[in-house]
Amino acid sequence: MANIKRRTLLKKIFGNFFLGYIMARSFTMPSSAFATEIKKKHVDQIVIWKSKRRLTLFSKKKPLKIYRIRLGFNPVGPKRKEGDGRTPEGNYWITHKNPNSAFHKSLGISYPNKNDELLAKRHGVSPGKDIFIHGGPTNFLKHLLFDWTEGCIAVTDPEIDEIYDIVLINTPVYITS
């Protein structure tokens, strides 16, 4: 009886997503087993859907795994200038890996591209830099409930461990609204 009341309370507070997320996580393959299995396949593209808060790893046009993400604190629309809190939109690639990131581990994204630089120059502003796919904050609830980055794409620490191990430098990244 107490479990039903607790579940009902959690449902009211966090909505169906939270319970579905917890239940799905308990039945999914452990990270290490997944990483070992997926390493046999080559991740040849990363697609990020901002409006759906999803990052998908692809191999030969087939999705390998989907991750729930968090974006910049002002996520609607493409990044236009440094400090606007938006996540960029466009075609990029993974430039480097940082195993000692301030957010656990990170993958550098080639932002700004030529289009981003032209738009910023036209408006007389700096386009910004240092956009990453990285781990989450120390406070997991912050990650669960809010878009909190400065424009980066955030996943949880166990998820960035998986992604970091299987994504290679120069992997294309497509970010769309």
Protein backbone atom coordinates (compact mmCIF):
# COMPACT_ATOMS: atom_id res chain seq x y z
CA MET A 1 0.00 0.00 0.00
CA ALA A 2 2.81 2.41 0.89
CA ASN A 3 4.49 1.69 -2.47
CA ILE A 4 1.32 2.62 -4.35
CA LYS A 5 1.04 5.93 -2.47
CA ARG A 6 4.73 6.67 -3.05
CA ARG A 7 4.38 5.85 -6.77
CA THR A 8 1.29 8.08 -7.04
CA LEU A 9 3.13 10.94 -5.33
CA LEU A 10 6.19 10.55 -7.58
CA LYS A 11 3.91 10.44 -10.62
CA LYS A 12 2.30 13.73 -9.59
CA ILE A 13 5.65 15.37 -8.94
CA PHE A 14 7.70 14.10 -11.87
CA GLY A 15 5.12 12.87 -14.34
CA ASN A 16 5.11 9.63 -16.29
CA PHE A 17 8.54 10.26 -17.75
CA PHE A 18 10.32 9.76 -14.42
CA LEU A 19 8.70 6.43 -13.63
CA GLY A 20 9.11 5.21 -17.19
CA TYR A 21 12.76 6.23 -17.12
CA ILE A 22 13.45 4.41 -13.85
CA MET A 23 11.58 1.30 -14.99
CA ALA A 24 13.28 1.26 -18.38
CA ARG A 25 16.72 1.69 -16.81
CA SER A 26 16.14 -1.31 -14.54
CA PHE A 27 15.47 -3.58 -17.53
CA THR A 28 18.15 -2.34 -19.90
CA MET A 29 21.49 -3.95 -20.51
CA PRO A 30 24.23 -2.80 -18.09
CA SER A 31 26.45 -0.06 -19.51
CA SER A 32 29.56 -2.21 -19.69
CA ALA A 33 27.71 -5.02 -21.49
CA PHE A 34 26.13 -2.55 -23.91
CA ALA A 35 29.46 -0.85 -24.62
CA THR A 36 31.11 -4.21 -25.28
CA GLU A 37 28.30 -5.26 -27.63
CA ILE A 38 28.12 -1.96 -29.49
CA LYS A 39 31.90 -1.69 -29.94
CA LYS A 40 31.48 -4.44 -32.49
CA LYS A 41 29.57 -1.91 -34.59
CA HIS A 42 30.90 1.36 -35.95
CA VAL A 43 29.11 4.56 -34.90
CA ASP A 44 29.14 6.59 -38.12
CA GLN A 45 26.77 9.42 -37.18
CA ILE A 46 25.28 11.19 -34.18
CA VAL A 47 21.90 12.90 -34.60
CA ILE A 48 20.55 15.27 -31.96
CA TRP A 49 16.88 16.30 -31.96
CA LYS A 50 16.64 19.32 -29.68
CA SER A 51 12.84 19.45 -29.45
CA LYS A 52 12.67 15.76 -28.53
CA ARG A 53 15.69 16.00 -26.18
CA ARG A 54 17.20 12.96 -27.89
CA LEU A 55 20.70 11.99 -29.00
CA THR A 56 20.86 8.93 -31.25
CA LEU A 57 23.94 6.98 -32.27
CA PHE A 58 23.70 5.50 -35.78
CA SER A 59 25.56 2.79 -37.64
CA LYS A 60 24.86 2.29 -41.34
CA LYS A 61 21.69 4.41 -41.05
CA LYS A 62 20.31 2.22 -38.23
CA PRO A 63 19.91 3.57 -34.70
CA LEU A 64 22.12 1.82 -32.15
CA LYS A 65 21.07 3.64 -28.99
CA ILE A 66 19.00 6.66 -27.97
CA TYR A 67 19.86 8.91 -25.01
CA ARG A 68 17.77 11.53 -23.24
CA ILE A 69 19.65 14.83 -23.23
CA ARG A 70 19.65 18.28 -21.69
CA LEU A 71 20.49 21.42 -23.63
CA GLY A 72 21.41 25.05 -23.10
CA PHE A 73 19.29 27.00 -20.63
CA ASN A 74 17.61 28.84 -23.56
CA PRO A 75 17.10 25.90 -25.94
CA VAL A 76 14.64 27.21 -28.55
CA GLY A 77 16.29 28.24 -31.79
CA PRO A 78 19.85 27.94 -33.05
CA LYS A 79 22.85 29.41 -31.26
CA ARG A 80 23.54 32.90 -32.63
CA LYS A 81 26.07 34.41 -30.25
CA GLU A 82 28.27 33.64 -27.30
CA GLY A 83 26.38 33.52 -24.01
CA ASP A 84 22.87 33.15 -25.47
CA GLY A 85 22.37 29.77 -23.75
CA ARG A 86 21.31 28.08 -26.96
CA THR A 87 22.52 24.83 -28.46
CA PRO A 88 23.69 25.18 -32.07
CA GLU A 89 21.89 23.64 -35.05
CA GLY A 90 23.65 22.35 -38.13
CA ASN A 91 26.29 19.91 -39.36
CA TYR A 92 29.35 19.41 -37.21
CA TRP A 93 31.81 16.64 -36.25
CA ILE A 94 33.58 15.37 -33.15
CA THR A 95 36.88 17.23 -32.86
CA HIS A 96 38.45 15.75 -29.74
CA LYS A 97 37.89 13.78 -26.53
CA ASN A 98 38.53 15.04 -23.01
CA PRO A 99 38.69 12.34 -20.31
CA ASN A 100 39.16 15.00 -17.59
CA SER A 101 36.28 17.34 -18.38
CA ALA A 102 34.65 19.53 -15.73
CA PHE A 103 31.57 17.39 -16.48
CA HIS A 104 33.14 13.94 -16.15
CA LYS A 105 34.11 13.28 -19.81
CA SER A 106 33.36 15.21 -22.98
CA LEU A 107 33.42 15.09 -26.78
CA GLY A 108 34.23 18.36 -28.53
CA ILE A 109 31.92 19.51 -31.33
CA SER A 110 33.25 21.56 -34.27
CA TYR A 111 31.13 24.62 -33.47
CA PRO A 112 31.20 27.23 -34.98
CA ASN A 113 31.03 26.09 -38.59
CA LYS A 114 31.31 28.50 -41.57
CA ASN A 115 27.57 29.36 -41.50
CA ASP A 116 27.68 30.12 -37.77
CA GLU A 117 30.72 32.39 -38.25
CA LEU A 118 29.08 34.24 -41.17
CA LEU A 119 25.84 34.86 -39.24
CA ALA A 120 27.72 36.10 -36.19
CA LYS A 121 29.94 38.37 -38.30
CA ARG A 122 26.89 39.77 -40.10
CA HIS A 123 25.37 40.68 -36.71
CA GLY A 124 28.65 41.93 -35.25
CA VAL A 125 28.83 39.36 -32.44
CA SER A 126 31.05 36.46 -31.42
CA PRO A 127 29.50 33.07 -32.31
CA GLY A 128 30.94 31.48 -29.16
CA LYS A 129 32.90 28.24 -28.92
CA ASP A 130 33.47 25.22 -26.72
CA ILE A 131 30.33 23.21 -27.44
CA PHE A 132 30.50 19.63 -26.13
CA ILE A 133 28.59 16.46 -25.53
CA HIS A 134 29.36 15.87 -21.85
CA GLY A 135 28.30 14.27 -18.57
CA GLY A 136 25.83 15.68 -16.12
CA PRO A 137 26.00 17.93 -13.09
CA THR A 138 26.62 16.66 -9.59
CA ASN A 139 22.92 17.20 -8.83
CA PHE A 140 21.08 14.51 -10.81
CA LEU A 141 17.67 16.14 -10.21
CA LYS A 142 18.93 19.28 -11.96
CA HIS A 143 19.77 17.14 -14.98
CA LEU A 144 16.46 15.32 -14.81
CA LEU A 145 14.28 18.42 -14.60
CA PHE A 146 16.02 21.32 -16.37
CA ASP A 147 17.94 22.40 -19.46
CA TRP A 148 21.00 23.71 -17.65
CA THR A 149 24.08 23.88 -19.90
CA GLU A 150 25.57 26.98 -21.55
CA GLY A 151 24.73 25.50 -24.97
CA CYS A 152 26.24 22.02 -24.75
CA ILE A 153 24.49 18.65 -24.94
CA ALA A 154 24.45 16.85 -21.57
CA VAL A 155 23.82 13.20 -20.74
CA THR A 156 24.39 11.39 -17.45
CA ASP A 157 27.89 10.34 -16.41
CA PRO A 158 27.29 6.61 -17.11
CA GLU A 159 25.89 7.55 -20.53
CA ILE A 160 28.88 9.73 -21.47
CA ASP A 161 31.12 6.81 -20.46
CA GLU A 162 29.32 4.67 -23.06
CA ILE A 163 29.32 7.35 -25.74
CA TYR A 164 32.94 8.34 -25.10
CA ASP A 165 34.12 4.74 -25.53
CA ILE A 166 32.35 4.07 -28.83
CA VAL A 167 32.43 7.39 -30.72
CA LEU A 168 35.54 8.24 -32.74
CA ILE A 169 37.03 11.63 -33.54
CA ASN A 170 35.65 13.00 -36.87
CA THR A 171 32.26 11.30 -36.38
CA PRO A 172 29.61 13.53 -38.03
CA VAL A 173 27.13 15.25 -35.70
CA TYR A 174 23.83 16.61 -37.02
CA ILE A 175 21.89 18.86 -34.62
CA THR A 176 18.35 19.84 -35.56
CA SER A 177 15.41 21.51 -33.86
